[in-house]
């Protein structure tokens, strides 16, 4: 039986202090490559959550406990922390409030091409499907089942702290960057780059 623990959260101020120390932590940003390209903490490594989950045993061989996990708000980073703990690397820190809190605190951020974050994409997709199901049911009887299906999926996502729609959207072409290679991301971490 595994016990659920709350990840160690760091505020943006605490992380800034650690990054300015003689032994700064490694930063793993678990957002999609497109989100990472839009804005990220300087010096962070992009290992999207789906890649991290797929390669977690391999990653634990190349990481130590001096790692801070980062995402947009802290949810995906918390999920990454639990996955790495289950793979044998417990005690990793999570940036509380994610990149949103980091930027909000005025901390230095590298910016690239701006794209919508995954949570915003999920809200647009889910809302559009519910609206289509509700309005379309006037023309096509039974289409309201689409709204019920999406509502059930959102409730399940909240209860399980997973999001199938987010995973699906992260694989869409607009969320991929041509230069991202999962094997290269893992290799960079293994080499300490």
N, C-alpha and C. Protein backbone atom coordinates (compact mmCIF):
# COMPACT_ATOMS: atom_id res chain seq x y z
N UNK A 1 0.85 -1.18 0.00
CA UNK A 1 0.00 0.00 0.00
C UNK A 1 0.89 1.23 0.00
N UNK A 2 0.64 2.15 -0.94
CA UNK A 2 1.42 3.38 -0.98
C UNK A 2 0.68 4.46 -0.23
N UNK A 3 1.45 5.32 0.40
CA UNK A 3 0.84 6.42 1.12
C UNK A 3 1.01 7.68 0.29
N UNK A 4 0.02 8.51 0.33
CA UNK A 4 0.07 9.77 -0.42
C UNK A 4 0.72 10.83 0.45
N UNK A 5 1.69 11.50 -0.11
CA UNK A 5 2.35 12.58 0.62
C UNK A 5 2.17 13.87 -0.16
N UNK A 6 2.24 14.95 0.54
CA UNK A 6 2.18 16.25 -0.10
C UNK A 6 3.59 16.64 -0.51
N UNK A 7 3.78 17.02 -1.79
CA UNK A 7 5.12 17.40 -2.20
C UNK A 7 5.60 18.65 -1.47
N UNK A 8 6.89 18.74 -1.33
CA UNK A 8 7.50 19.91 -0.69
C UNK A 8 7.37 21.07 -1.68
N UNK A 9 6.64 22.09 -1.28
CA UNK A 9 6.43 23.25 -2.15
C UNK A 9 7.41 24.36 -1.86
N UNK A 10 7.89 24.98 -2.91
CA UNK A 10 8.77 26.14 -2.77
C UNK A 10 8.07 27.35 -3.34
N UNK A 11 8.15 28.47 -2.66
CA UNK A 11 7.62 29.71 -3.21
C UNK A 11 8.61 30.22 -4.26
N UNK A 12 8.18 31.11 -5.12
CA UNK A 12 9.12 31.69 -6.08
C UNK A 12 10.32 32.34 -5.40
N UNK A 13 10.11 33.02 -4.26
CA UNK A 13 11.22 33.64 -3.53
C UNK A 13 12.22 32.62 -3.02
N UNK A 14 11.70 31.51 -2.48
CA UNK A 14 12.59 30.45 -1.99
C UNK A 14 13.38 29.82 -3.14
N UNK A 15 12.72 29.61 -4.27
CA UNK A 15 13.42 29.04 -5.42
C UNK A 15 14.48 30.00 -5.94
N UNK A 16 14.17 31.28 -6.00
CA UNK A 16 15.17 32.27 -6.45
C UNK A 16 16.40 32.23 -5.55
N UNK A 17 16.19 32.13 -4.26
CA UNK A 17 17.31 32.06 -3.32
C UNK A 17 18.14 30.81 -3.57
N UNK A 18 17.48 29.68 -3.79
CA UNK A 18 18.20 28.43 -4.05
C UNK A 18 18.97 28.50 -5.36
N UNK A 19 18.36 29.12 -6.37
CA UNK A 19 19.04 29.22 -7.68
C UNK A 19 20.27 30.13 -7.60
N UNK A 20 20.27 31.06 -6.65
CA UNK A 20 21.41 31.94 -6.47
C UNK A 20 22.49 31.37 -5.55
N UNK A 21 22.28 30.17 -5.03
CA UNK A 21 23.25 29.57 -4.11
C UNK A 21 24.39 28.88 -4.87
N UNK A 22 25.36 28.39 -4.11
CA UNK A 22 26.50 27.68 -4.71
C UNK A 22 26.10 26.35 -5.34
N UNK A 23 25.00 25.77 -4.87
CA UNK A 23 24.54 24.48 -5.38
C UNK A 23 23.06 24.59 -5.77
N UNK A 24 22.79 25.24 -6.91
CA UNK A 24 21.39 25.41 -7.30
C UNK A 24 20.76 24.08 -7.72
N UNK A 25 19.47 23.94 -7.50
CA UNK A 25 18.78 22.72 -7.92
C UNK A 25 18.60 22.68 -9.43
N UNK A 26 18.36 21.48 -9.94
CA UNK A 26 17.99 21.33 -11.35
C UNK A 26 16.49 21.57 -11.46
N UNK A 27 16.08 22.23 -12.51
CA UNK A 27 14.66 22.52 -12.72
C UNK A 27 14.14 21.67 -13.86
N UNK A 28 13.09 20.89 -13.58
CA UNK A 28 12.42 20.09 -14.61
C UNK A 28 11.05 20.70 -14.84
N UNK A 29 10.83 21.22 -16.02
CA UNK A 29 9.56 21.82 -16.41
C UNK A 29 8.77 20.75 -17.14
N UNK A 30 7.63 20.34 -16.58
CA UNK A 30 6.88 19.22 -17.12
C UNK A 30 5.72 19.64 -18.04
N UNK A 31 5.73 20.89 -18.46
CA UNK A 31 4.70 21.36 -19.40
C UNK A 31 5.01 20.88 -20.81
N UNK A 32 4.09 21.12 -21.72
CA UNK A 32 4.31 20.73 -23.11
C UNK A 32 5.45 21.56 -23.70
N UNK A 33 6.09 21.06 -24.75
CA UNK A 33 7.17 21.83 -25.38
C UNK A 33 6.70 23.22 -25.84
N UNK A 34 5.47 23.32 -26.31
CA UNK A 34 4.96 24.62 -26.76
C UNK A 34 4.82 25.59 -25.59
N UNK A 35 4.30 25.10 -24.46
CA UNK A 35 4.19 25.96 -23.28
C UNK A 35 5.57 26.39 -22.80
N UNK A 36 6.51 25.45 -22.79
CA UNK A 36 7.88 25.74 -22.37
C UNK A 36 8.50 26.78 -23.29
N UNK A 37 8.28 26.63 -24.59
CA UNK A 37 8.82 27.58 -25.56
C UNK A 37 8.27 28.98 -25.32
N UNK A 38 7.00 29.07 -24.90
CA UNK A 38 6.37 30.37 -24.68
C UNK A 38 6.98 31.14 -23.52
N UNK A 39 7.27 30.46 -22.43
CA UNK A 39 7.87 31.10 -21.25
C UNK A 39 8.39 30.01 -20.32
N UNK A 40 9.60 30.19 -19.84
CA UNK A 40 10.16 29.24 -18.88
C UNK A 40 11.21 29.91 -18.01
N UNK A 41 11.52 29.25 -16.91
CA UNK A 41 12.54 29.74 -15.99
C UNK A 41 13.90 29.48 -16.64
N UNK A 42 14.77 30.48 -16.69
CA UNK A 42 16.09 30.27 -17.30
C UNK A 42 16.82 29.09 -16.66
N UNK A 43 17.40 28.25 -17.50
CA UNK A 43 18.16 27.11 -17.04
C UNK A 43 17.35 25.85 -16.79
N UNK A 44 16.03 25.92 -16.99
CA UNK A 44 15.21 24.74 -16.75
C UNK A 44 15.26 23.78 -17.93
N UNK A 45 14.99 22.51 -17.64
CA UNK A 45 14.96 21.45 -18.65
C UNK A 45 13.51 21.08 -18.90
N UNK A 46 13.14 20.95 -20.17
CA UNK A 46 11.77 20.58 -20.51
C UNK A 46 11.67 19.06 -20.67
N UNK A 47 10.91 18.44 -19.78
CA UNK A 47 10.58 17.02 -19.86
C UNK A 47 9.08 16.94 -19.64
N UNK A 48 8.29 16.98 -20.74
CA UNK A 48 6.83 16.97 -20.59
C UNK A 48 6.36 15.81 -19.74
N UNK A 49 5.24 16.02 -19.05
CA UNK A 49 4.73 15.04 -18.11
C UNK A 49 4.57 13.66 -18.76
N UNK A 50 4.04 13.58 -19.98
CA UNK A 50 3.86 12.27 -20.60
C UNK A 50 5.20 11.58 -20.85
N UNK A 51 6.24 12.35 -21.20
CA UNK A 51 7.58 11.79 -21.39
C UNK A 51 8.14 11.36 -20.04
N UNK A 52 7.96 12.19 -19.02
CA UNK A 52 8.45 11.85 -17.69
C UNK A 52 7.80 10.56 -17.19
N UNK A 53 6.49 10.42 -17.37
CA UNK A 53 5.80 9.22 -16.92
C UNK A 53 6.31 7.98 -17.66
N UNK A 54 6.56 8.13 -18.94
CA UNK A 54 7.03 7.01 -19.75
C UNK A 54 8.46 6.60 -19.41
N UNK A 55 9.30 7.56 -19.03
CA UNK A 55 10.73 7.31 -18.80
C UNK A 55 11.13 7.50 -17.34
N UNK A 56 10.19 7.43 -16.41
CA UNK A 56 10.51 7.77 -15.02
C UNK A 56 11.58 6.88 -14.40
N UNK A 57 11.58 5.58 -14.70
CA UNK A 57 12.62 4.71 -14.12
C UNK A 57 14.00 5.13 -14.63
N UNK A 58 14.08 5.43 -15.91
CA UNK A 58 15.35 5.87 -16.49
C UNK A 58 15.78 7.22 -15.92
N UNK A 59 14.84 8.13 -15.76
CA UNK A 59 15.15 9.45 -15.23
C UNK A 59 15.67 9.39 -13.80
N UNK A 60 15.11 8.50 -12.99
CA UNK A 60 15.55 8.43 -11.60
C UNK A 60 17.02 8.04 -11.48
N UNK A 61 17.55 7.39 -12.51
CA UNK A 61 18.98 7.01 -12.50
C UNK A 61 19.88 8.23 -12.70
N UNK A 62 19.33 9.31 -13.27
CA UNK A 62 20.13 10.48 -13.62
C UNK A 62 19.81 11.71 -12.77
N UNK A 63 18.90 11.55 -11.83
CA UNK A 63 18.50 12.67 -10.99
C UNK A 63 18.79 12.35 -9.53
N UNK A 64 18.95 13.41 -8.75
CA UNK A 64 19.02 13.23 -7.30
C UNK A 64 17.89 14.04 -6.69
N UNK A 65 17.88 14.17 -5.39
CA UNK A 65 16.77 14.86 -4.73
C UNK A 65 16.87 16.38 -4.84
N UNK A 66 17.92 16.88 -5.45
CA UNK A 66 18.08 18.33 -5.62
C UNK A 66 17.47 18.78 -6.94
N UNK A 67 16.16 18.50 -7.08
CA UNK A 67 15.40 18.81 -8.28
C UNK A 67 14.14 19.54 -7.86
N UNK A 68 13.76 20.55 -8.65
CA UNK A 68 12.48 21.23 -8.45
C UNK A 68 11.66 21.02 -9.71
N UNK A 69 10.43 20.54 -9.53
CA UNK A 69 9.52 20.30 -10.64
C UNK A 69 8.64 21.53 -10.85
N UNK A 70 8.44 21.86 -12.12
CA UNK A 70 7.74 23.09 -12.48
C UNK A 70 6.69 22.79 -13.55
N UNK A 71 5.54 23.43 -13.46
CA UNK A 71 4.54 23.42 -14.53
C UNK A 71 3.85 24.79 -14.52
N UNK A 72 2.68 24.88 -15.08
CA UNK A 72 2.01 26.19 -15.13
C UNK A 72 1.51 26.62 -13.76
N UNK A 73 0.83 25.70 -13.05
CA UNK A 73 0.22 26.09 -11.77
C UNK A 73 0.68 25.24 -10.59
N UNK A 74 1.31 24.12 -10.85
CA UNK A 74 1.76 23.22 -9.79
C UNK A 74 1.09 21.86 -9.82
N UNK A 75 -0.02 21.71 -10.55
CA UNK A 75 -0.75 20.43 -10.56
C UNK A 75 0.03 19.34 -11.28
N UNK A 76 0.47 19.61 -12.50
CA UNK A 76 1.22 18.59 -13.25
C UNK A 76 2.55 18.28 -12.56
N UNK A 77 3.17 19.29 -11.99
CA UNK A 77 4.43 19.07 -11.28
C UNK A 77 4.20 18.17 -10.06
N UNK A 78 3.07 18.33 -9.38
CA UNK A 78 2.73 17.45 -8.27
C UNK A 78 2.52 16.02 -8.73
N UNK A 79 1.91 15.87 -9.88
CA UNK A 79 1.73 14.51 -10.44
C UNK A 79 3.08 13.91 -10.81
N UNK A 80 3.97 14.72 -11.38
CA UNK A 80 5.32 14.25 -11.72
C UNK A 80 6.07 13.85 -10.46
N UNK A 81 5.91 14.62 -9.39
CA UNK A 81 6.59 14.31 -8.13
C UNK A 81 6.13 12.95 -7.60
N UNK A 82 4.82 12.69 -7.65
CA UNK A 82 4.31 11.41 -7.16
C UNK A 82 4.83 10.25 -8.02
N UNK A 83 4.89 10.45 -9.34
CA UNK A 83 5.38 9.39 -10.23
C UNK A 83 6.85 9.10 -9.97
N UNK A 84 7.66 10.13 -9.77
CA UNK A 84 9.08 9.91 -9.50
C UNK A 84 9.29 9.31 -8.12
N UNK A 85 8.45 9.66 -7.16
CA UNK A 85 8.54 9.06 -5.82
C UNK A 85 8.24 7.57 -5.90
N UNK A 86 7.22 7.21 -6.67
CA UNK A 86 6.88 5.79 -6.84
C UNK A 86 8.00 5.04 -7.55
N UNK A 87 8.78 5.73 -8.38
CA UNK A 87 9.89 5.10 -9.11
C UNK A 87 11.17 5.09 -8.28
N UNK A 88 11.12 5.60 -7.05
CA UNK A 88 12.28 5.53 -6.17
C UNK A 88 13.01 6.82 -5.92
N UNK A 89 12.42 7.96 -6.28
CA UNK A 89 13.06 9.25 -6.05
C UNK A 89 12.10 10.15 -5.28
N UNK A 90 11.94 9.90 -3.97
CA UNK A 90 11.01 10.70 -3.17
C UNK A 90 11.61 12.04 -2.75
N UNK A 91 10.73 12.93 -2.34
CA UNK A 91 11.18 14.17 -1.71
C UNK A 91 11.52 15.31 -2.65
N UNK A 92 11.12 15.22 -3.91
CA UNK A 92 11.41 16.33 -4.82
C UNK A 92 10.49 17.51 -4.51
N UNK A 93 10.97 18.70 -4.76
CA UNK A 93 10.20 19.91 -4.51
C UNK A 93 9.40 20.29 -5.75
N UNK A 94 8.32 21.01 -5.52
CA UNK A 94 7.46 21.52 -6.58
C UNK A 94 7.35 23.03 -6.40
N UNK A 95 7.49 23.78 -7.50
CA UNK A 95 7.32 25.23 -7.44
C UNK A 95 5.85 25.54 -7.20
N UNK A 96 5.53 26.05 -6.03
CA UNK A 96 4.15 26.38 -5.67
C UNK A 96 3.63 27.48 -6.60
N UNK A 97 2.52 27.21 -7.24
CA UNK A 97 1.93 28.18 -8.16
C UNK A 97 2.54 28.16 -9.54
N UNK A 98 3.59 27.37 -9.73
CA UNK A 98 4.19 27.17 -11.05
C UNK A 98 4.76 28.42 -11.69
N UNK A 99 4.88 28.34 -13.01
CA UNK A 99 5.44 29.45 -13.78
C UNK A 99 4.57 30.69 -13.66
N UNK A 100 3.26 30.50 -13.48
CA UNK A 100 2.37 31.65 -13.31
C UNK A 100 2.78 32.46 -12.07
N UNK A 101 3.04 31.77 -10.95
CA UNK A 101 3.47 32.47 -9.73
C UNK A 101 4.88 33.04 -9.90
N UNK A 102 5.74 32.30 -10.58
CA UNK A 102 7.12 32.76 -10.84
C UNK A 102 7.09 34.09 -11.60
N UNK A 103 6.34 34.12 -12.69
CA UNK A 103 6.24 35.36 -13.48
C UNK A 103 5.56 36.45 -12.67
N UNK A 104 4.53 36.10 -11.92
CA UNK A 104 3.81 37.07 -11.11
C UNK A 104 4.67 37.72 -10.05
N UNK A 105 5.72 37.01 -9.63
CA UNK A 105 6.61 37.57 -8.60
C UNK A 105 7.68 38.47 -9.21
N UNK A 106 7.68 38.58 -10.54
CA UNK A 106 8.68 39.42 -11.21
C UNK A 106 10.02 38.74 -11.41
N UNK A 107 10.08 37.43 -11.20
CA UNK A 107 11.32 36.68 -11.36
C UNK A 107 11.69 36.60 -12.85
N UNK A 108 12.98 36.45 -13.15
CA UNK A 108 13.39 36.41 -14.56
C UNK A 108 12.80 35.20 -15.28
N UNK A 109 12.31 35.45 -16.48
CA UNK A 109 11.66 34.43 -17.29
C UNK A 109 12.11 34.60 -18.73
N UNK A 110 12.46 33.48 -19.38
CA UNK A 110 12.77 33.50 -20.80
C UNK A 110 11.47 33.36 -21.57
N UNK A 111 11.26 34.27 -22.52
CA UNK A 111 10.02 34.24 -23.32
C UNK A 111 10.35 33.92 -24.76
N UNK A 112 9.46 33.16 -25.37
CA UNK A 112 9.54 32.83 -26.79
C UNK A 112 8.19 33.11 -27.41
N UNK A 113 7.84 32.30 -28.36
CA UNK A 113 6.55 32.43 -29.03
C UNK A 113 5.44 32.08 -28.04
N UNK A 114 4.54 32.99 -27.79
CA UNK A 114 3.47 32.78 -26.82
C UNK A 114 2.39 31.87 -27.39
N UNK A 115 1.98 30.92 -26.58
CA UNK A 115 0.90 30.00 -26.92
C UNK A 115 0.03 29.83 -25.69
N UNK A 116 -1.17 29.34 -25.90
CA UNK A 116 -2.07 29.11 -24.78
C UNK A 116 -1.55 27.97 -23.92
N UNK A 117 -1.65 28.12 -22.58
CA UNK A 117 -1.24 27.03 -21.71
C UNK A 117 -2.28 25.92 -21.80
N UNK A 118 -1.90 24.74 -21.35
CA UNK A 118 -2.74 23.54 -21.49
C UNK A 118 -4.07 23.67 -20.77
N UNK A 119 -4.08 24.26 -19.59
CA UNK A 119 -5.34 24.39 -18.85
C UNK A 119 -6.34 25.25 -19.63
N UNK A 120 -5.85 26.30 -20.28
CA UNK A 120 -6.74 27.15 -21.07
C UNK A 120 -7.26 26.39 -22.29
N UNK A 121 -6.41 25.58 -22.91
CA UNK A 121 -6.85 24.78 -24.06
C UNK A 121 -7.92 23.77 -23.65
N UNK A 122 -7.74 23.14 -22.49
CA UNK A 122 -8.72 22.18 -22.00
C UNK A 122 -10.05 22.87 -21.75
N UNK A 123 -10.01 24.05 -21.12
CA UNK A 123 -11.27 24.78 -20.86
C UNK A 123 -11.97 25.12 -22.16
N UNK A 124 -11.22 25.55 -23.19
CA UNK A 124 -11.84 25.88 -24.49
C UNK A 124 -12.44 24.64 -25.13
N UNK A 125 -11.69 23.55 -25.17
CA UNK A 125 -12.19 22.32 -25.81
C UNK A 125 -13.42 21.78 -25.08
N UNK A 126 -13.33 21.68 -23.75
CA UNK A 126 -14.45 21.14 -22.99
C UNK A 126 -15.68 22.04 -23.11
N UNK A 127 -15.48 23.33 -22.96
CA UNK A 127 -16.60 24.27 -23.07
C UNK A 127 -17.24 24.24 -24.44
N UNK A 128 -16.43 24.14 -25.48
CA UNK A 128 -16.97 24.08 -26.85
C UNK A 128 -17.78 22.81 -27.08
N UNK A 129 -17.28 21.68 -26.57
CA UNK A 129 -18.01 20.42 -26.72
C UNK A 129 -19.33 20.44 -25.96
N UNK A 130 -19.33 20.97 -24.74
CA UNK A 130 -20.57 21.06 -23.96
C UNK A 130 -21.56 21.98 -24.66
N UNK A 131 -21.09 23.12 -25.14
CA UNK A 131 -21.97 24.05 -25.84
C UNK A 131 -22.53 23.42 -27.11
N UNK A 132 -21.67 22.72 -27.87
CA UNK A 132 -22.15 22.05 -29.10
C UNK A 132 -23.19 21.00 -28.77
N UNK A 133 -22.97 20.25 -27.70
CA UNK A 133 -23.94 19.23 -27.31
C UNK A 133 -25.26 19.83 -26.87
N UNK A 134 -25.18 20.92 -26.12
CA UNK A 134 -26.42 21.54 -25.62
C UNK A 134 -27.20 22.22 -26.74
N UNK A 135 -26.51 23.02 -27.55
CA UNK A 135 -27.21 23.74 -28.62
C UNK A 135 -27.58 22.81 -29.77
N UNK A 136 -26.72 21.85 -30.06
CA UNK A 136 -26.97 20.92 -31.16
C UNK A 136 -28.10 19.97 -30.89
N UNK A 137 -28.43 19.77 -29.62
CA UNK A 137 -29.51 18.83 -29.28
C UNK A 137 -30.86 19.29 -29.81
N UNK A 138 -30.99 20.58 -30.12
CA UNK A 138 -32.24 21.08 -30.71
C UNK A 138 -32.40 20.56 -32.14
N UNK A 139 -31.28 20.41 -32.84
CA UNK A 139 -31.32 19.94 -34.22
C UNK A 139 -31.14 18.43 -34.33
N UNK A 140 -30.35 17.86 -33.43
CA UNK A 140 -30.06 16.43 -33.47
C UNK A 140 -30.43 15.82 -32.11
N UNK A 141 -31.55 15.14 -32.04
CA UNK A 141 -31.94 14.54 -30.76
C UNK A 141 -30.85 13.60 -30.24
N UNK A 142 -30.61 13.67 -28.96
CA UNK A 142 -29.61 12.81 -28.34
C UNK A 142 -28.22 13.40 -28.28
N UNK A 143 -28.00 14.55 -28.92
CA UNK A 143 -26.66 15.14 -28.92
C UNK A 143 -26.29 15.69 -27.55
N UNK A 144 -27.28 15.89 -26.68
CA UNK A 144 -26.97 16.35 -25.33
C UNK A 144 -26.11 15.33 -24.58
N UNK A 145 -26.07 14.10 -25.07
CA UNK A 145 -25.21 13.07 -24.45
C UNK A 145 -23.75 13.50 -24.53
N UNK A 146 -23.39 14.27 -25.55
CA UNK A 146 -22.02 14.78 -25.67
C UNK A 146 -21.70 15.66 -24.46
N UNK A 147 -22.64 16.52 -24.08
CA UNK A 147 -22.43 17.38 -22.91
C UNK A 147 -22.28 16.55 -21.66
N UNK A 148 -23.10 15.52 -21.50
CA UNK A 148 -23.01 14.65 -20.33
C UNK A 148 -21.68 13.91 -20.31
N UNK A 149 -21.22 13.44 -21.47
CA UNK A 149 -19.95 12.72 -21.55
C UNK A 149 -18.79 13.63 -21.14
N UNK A 150 -18.77 14.85 -21.65
CA UNK A 150 -17.69 15.79 -21.31
C UNK A 150 -17.77 16.15 -19.82
N UNK A 151 -18.97 16.39 -19.31
CA UNK A 151 -19.13 16.70 -17.89
C UNK A 151 -18.63 15.55 -17.02
N UNK A 152 -18.96 14.33 -17.39
CA UNK A 152 -18.48 13.16 -16.65
C UNK A 152 -16.96 13.05 -16.72
N UNK A 153 -16.40 13.34 -17.89
CA UNK A 153 -14.94 13.31 -18.04
C UNK A 153 -14.26 14.35 -17.17
N UNK A 154 -14.84 15.53 -17.09
CA UNK A 154 -14.27 16.59 -16.25
C UNK A 154 -14.36 16.22 -14.76
N UNK A 155 -15.48 15.62 -14.37
CA UNK A 155 -15.62 15.19 -12.97
C UNK A 155 -14.59 14.11 -12.66
N UNK A 156 -14.41 13.15 -13.57
CA UNK A 156 -13.41 12.09 -13.36
C UNK A 156 -12.01 12.70 -13.30
N UNK A 157 -11.73 13.67 -14.17
CA UNK A 157 -10.41 14.32 -14.17
C UNK A 157 -10.14 14.99 -12.83
N UNK A 158 -11.14 15.62 -12.26
CA UNK A 158 -10.96 16.27 -10.96
C UNK A 158 -10.74 15.24 -9.85
N UNK A 159 -11.51 14.17 -9.86
CA UNK A 159 -11.40 13.15 -8.80
C UNK A 159 -10.10 12.37 -8.89
N UNK A 160 -9.63 12.11 -10.11
CA UNK A 160 -8.42 11.30 -10.29
C UNK A 160 -7.16 12.14 -10.43
N UNK A 161 -7.34 13.46 -10.54
CA UNK A 161 -6.22 14.39 -10.75
C UNK A 161 -5.44 14.03 -12.01
N UNK A 162 -6.17 13.59 -13.04
CA UNK A 162 -5.60 13.32 -14.36
C UNK A 162 -6.45 14.06 -15.36
N UNK A 163 -5.96 14.15 -16.58
CA UNK A 163 -6.76 14.84 -17.59
C UNK A 163 -6.45 14.24 -18.96
N UNK A 164 -7.33 13.33 -19.39
CA UNK A 164 -7.15 12.69 -20.69
C UNK A 164 -7.20 13.73 -21.81
N UNK A 165 -8.06 14.73 -21.66
CA UNK A 165 -8.16 15.76 -22.70
C UNK A 165 -6.86 16.55 -22.78
N UNK A 166 -6.24 16.84 -21.64
CA UNK A 166 -4.96 17.54 -21.64
C UNK A 166 -3.87 16.73 -22.31
N UNK A 167 -3.85 15.42 -22.04
CA UNK A 167 -2.87 14.55 -22.68
C UNK A 167 -3.09 14.54 -24.18
N UNK A 168 -4.34 14.41 -24.60
CA UNK A 168 -4.66 14.41 -26.03
C UNK A 168 -4.27 15.75 -26.67
N UNK A 169 -4.62 16.85 -26.03
CA UNK A 169 -4.28 18.16 -26.59
C UNK A 169 -2.77 18.38 -26.65
N UNK A 170 -2.03 17.84 -25.69
CA UNK A 170 -0.57 18.02 -25.70
C UNK A 170 0.08 17.36 -26.89
N UNK A 171 -0.62 16.41 -27.51
CA UNK A 171 -0.08 15.71 -28.68
C UNK A 171 -0.50 16.34 -30.00
N UNK A 172 -1.30 17.39 -29.93
CA UNK A 172 -1.73 18.07 -31.14
C UNK A 172 -0.56 18.84 -31.77
N UNK A 173 -0.59 19.02 -33.07
CA UNK A 173 0.54 19.67 -33.76
C UNK A 173 0.89 21.06 -33.22
N UNK A 174 -0.10 21.84 -32.81
CA UNK A 174 0.19 23.19 -32.32
C UNK A 174 0.87 23.17 -30.96
N UNK A 175 0.86 22.03 -30.27
CA UNK A 175 1.54 21.93 -28.97
C UNK A 175 2.88 21.22 -29.07
N UNK A 176 3.29 20.92 -30.26
CA UNK A 176 4.59 20.28 -30.48
C UNK A 176 5.54 21.31 -31.07
N UNK A 177 6.78 21.18 -30.73
CA UNK A 177 7.78 22.03 -31.36
C UNK A 177 8.65 21.11 -32.21
N UNK A 178 9.06 21.56 -33.37
CA UNK A 178 9.81 20.68 -34.27
C UNK A 178 11.13 20.21 -33.67
N UNK A 179 11.67 20.97 -32.73
CA UNK A 179 12.98 20.61 -32.19
C UNK A 179 12.92 19.68 -30.98
N UNK A 180 11.73 19.35 -30.48
CA UNK A 180 11.65 18.53 -29.26
C UNK A 180 11.75 17.05 -29.60
N UNK A 181 12.69 16.38 -28.96
CA UNK A 181 12.88 14.94 -29.10
C UNK A 181 12.94 14.35 -27.69
N UNK A 182 11.98 13.51 -27.31
CA UNK A 182 11.97 12.97 -25.95
C UNK A 182 13.27 12.25 -25.58
N UNK A 183 13.82 11.50 -26.50
CA UNK A 183 15.08 10.78 -26.20
C UNK A 183 16.21 11.76 -25.93
N UNK A 184 16.24 12.86 -26.67
CA UNK A 184 17.28 13.88 -26.47
C UNK A 184 17.10 14.56 -25.11
N UNK A 185 15.86 14.81 -24.71
CA UNK A 185 15.61 15.44 -23.41
C UNK A 185 16.13 14.56 -22.28
N UNK A 186 15.88 13.26 -22.36
CA UNK A 186 16.36 12.34 -21.34
C UNK A 186 17.89 12.26 -21.38
N UNK A 187 18.46 12.24 -22.59
CA UNK A 187 19.92 12.19 -22.73
C UNK A 187 20.59 13.42 -22.15
N UNK A 188 20.00 14.60 -22.35
CA UNK A 188 20.56 15.84 -21.78
C UNK A 188 20.61 15.76 -20.27
N UNK A 189 19.57 15.22 -19.67
CA UNK A 189 19.56 15.08 -18.21
C UNK A 189 20.61 14.06 -17.76
N UNK A 190 20.76 13.00 -18.53
CA UNK A 190 21.74 11.97 -18.18
C UNK A 190 23.16 12.53 -18.25
N UNK A 191 23.40 13.41 -19.23
CA UNK A 191 24.73 14.02 -19.40
C UNK A 191 24.94 15.18 -18.45
N UNK A 192 23.90 15.63 -17.76
CA UNK A 192 24.01 16.77 -16.87
C UNK A 192 23.99 18.09 -17.60
N UNK A 193 23.54 18.10 -18.86
CA UNK A 193 23.48 19.35 -19.63
C UNK A 193 22.23 20.13 -19.30
